[in-house]
């Protein structure tokens, strides 16, 4: 609805494998957020994920994670909305916020 395959594809191989539940949440988030969102990273094949040094438990190769560029002034509201929408994995970095649709209890971290 809001995001193209080009934004969501693996930069390594061009494959797009996004979980239906995860993209539904992201589209709902975008609708409520009401502003454009820049996706830094979404689906990653295992090869690309390892090249980035990401954990084996990363949700990116499962198509359940999105790294979204977020202005520092908007981060608090962004994270509040992510929790409200139901994203259970939230990682906060200087230039982006990681959102993922994991199973189990919610988990938040800082890069």
Protein backbone atom coordinates (compact mmCIF):
# COMPACT_ATOMS: atom_id res chain seq x y z
CA UNK A 1 0.00 0.00 0.00
CA UNK A 2 2.63 2.59 1.04
CA UNK A 3 5.88 0.73 0.28
CA UNK A 4 7.27 -0.54 -3.01
CA UNK A 5 9.15 -3.77 -3.63
CA UNK A 6 12.15 -1.62 -4.49
CA UNK A 7 12.16 -0.21 -0.94
CA UNK A 8 11.73 -3.63 0.68
CA UNK A 9 14.08 -5.79 -1.40
CA UNK A 10 17.43 -7.20 -0.34
CA UNK A 11 20.13 -4.90 -1.75
CA UNK A 12 22.36 -7.92 -2.32
CA UNK A 13 20.13 -10.13 -4.47
CA UNK A 14 16.99 -8.07 -5.14
CA UNK A 15 14.66 -10.65 -3.58
CA UNK A 16 11.60 -9.44 -1.68
CA UNK A 17 10.18 -11.74 0.99
CA UNK A 18 8.07 -9.75 3.42
CA UNK A 19 5.84 -11.38 6.03
CA UNK A 20 2.17 -10.48 5.51
CA UNK A 21 1.59 -9.63 9.17
CA UNK A 22 4.69 -7.45 9.36
CA UNK A 23 3.85 -5.40 6.26
CA UNK A 24 0.25 -5.02 7.42
CA UNK A 25 1.54 -3.50 10.67
CA UNK A 26 3.99 -1.25 8.82
CA UNK A 27 1.24 0.03 6.50
CA UNK A 28 -1.05 0.66 9.47
CA UNK A 29 1.81 2.51 11.19
CA UNK A 30 2.42 4.66 8.09
CA UNK A 31 -1.27 5.52 7.76
CA UNK A 32 -1.49 6.70 11.38
CA UNK A 33 1.95 8.39 11.25
CA UNK A 34 0.69 10.44 8.32
CA UNK A 35 4.12 11.26 6.95
CA UNK A 36 6.49 9.63 4.47
CA UNK A 37 8.80 6.99 5.93
CA UNK A 38 12.18 6.07 4.44
CA UNK A 39 13.04 2.36 4.71
CA UNK A 40 16.79 1.89 5.21
CA UNK A 41 16.54 -1.89 5.28
CA UNK A 42 13.79 -4.51 5.15
CA UNK A 43 14.24 -8.04 3.76
CA UNK A 44 17.82 -9.33 3.75
CA UNK A 45 18.97 -12.66 2.42
CA UNK A 46 21.12 -14.64 4.88
CA UNK A 47 24.28 -13.81 2.91
CA UNK A 48 23.68 -10.07 3.11
CA UNK A 49 22.58 -10.28 6.74
CA UNK A 50 25.86 -12.01 7.67
CA UNK A 51 27.90 -9.50 5.66
CA UNK A 52 26.38 -6.76 7.83
CA UNK A 53 27.40 -8.68 10.95
CA UNK A 54 23.80 -9.12 12.03
CA UNK A 55 22.77 -11.80 14.52
CA UNK A 56 21.52 -15.19 13.37
CA UNK A 57 18.29 -14.37 15.21
CA UNK A 58 17.70 -11.26 13.06
CA UNK A 59 14.14 -10.87 11.81
CA UNK A 60 15.29 -9.29 8.51
CA UNK A 61 15.85 -12.67 6.74
CA UNK A 62 12.37 -13.69 7.90
CA UNK A 63 10.88 -10.60 6.28
CA UNK A 64 9.63 -9.39 9.66
CA UNK A 65 11.91 -6.38 10.24
CA UNK A 66 12.26 -2.83 8.99
CA UNK A 67 14.88 -0.19 9.72
CA UNK A 68 13.20 3.20 9.31
CA UNK A 69 15.06 6.51 9.16
CA UNK A 70 13.65 8.71 11.92
CA UNK A 71 14.48 12.30 12.83
CA UNK A 72 15.80 12.54 16.40
CA UNK A 73 13.02 14.96 17.32
CA UNK A 74 10.39 12.40 16.26
CA UNK A 75 11.85 9.28 17.88
CA UNK A 76 9.82 9.32 21.10
CA UNK A 77 6.48 9.62 19.27
CA UNK A 78 7.65 7.11 16.65
CA UNK A 79 8.46 4.49 19.29
CA UNK A 80 5.21 5.15 21.18
CA UNK A 81 3.24 4.53 17.99
CA UNK A 82 5.27 1.39 17.18
CA UNK A 83 4.34 -0.05 20.57
CA UNK A 84 0.68 0.90 20.07
CA UNK A 85 0.62 -0.77 16.63
CA UNK A 86 2.07 -3.96 18.13
CA UNK A 87 5.69 -4.13 17.00
CA UNK A 88 7.43 -6.21 19.66
CA UNK A 89 11.06 -5.67 18.63
CA UNK A 90 12.26 -2.07 18.73
CA UNK A 91 15.89 -1.03 18.39
CA UNK A 92 16.93 2.60 18.57
CA UNK A 93 20.00 3.84 16.67
CA UNK A 94 21.27 7.35 15.93
CA UNK A 95 19.81 7.47 12.43
CA UNK A 96 17.02 4.88 12.41
CA UNK A 97 14.58 2.82 14.44
CA UNK A 98 14.38 -0.93 13.91
CA UNK A 99 10.87 -2.39 14.07
CA UNK A 100 10.14 -6.09 13.99
CA UNK A 101 7.15 -8.36 14.32
CA UNK A 102 8.66 -11.02 16.59
CA UNK A 103 6.92 -13.71 18.61
CA UNK A 104 7.12 -13.76 22.38
CA UNK A 105 7.56 -10.92 24.83
CA UNK A 106 8.41 -7.39 23.68
CA UNK A 107 12.09 -6.48 23.54
CA UNK A 108 13.76 -3.08 23.14
CA UNK A 109 17.43 -2.18 22.74
CA UNK A 110 19.78 0.63 21.80
CA UNK A 111 22.48 0.21 19.16
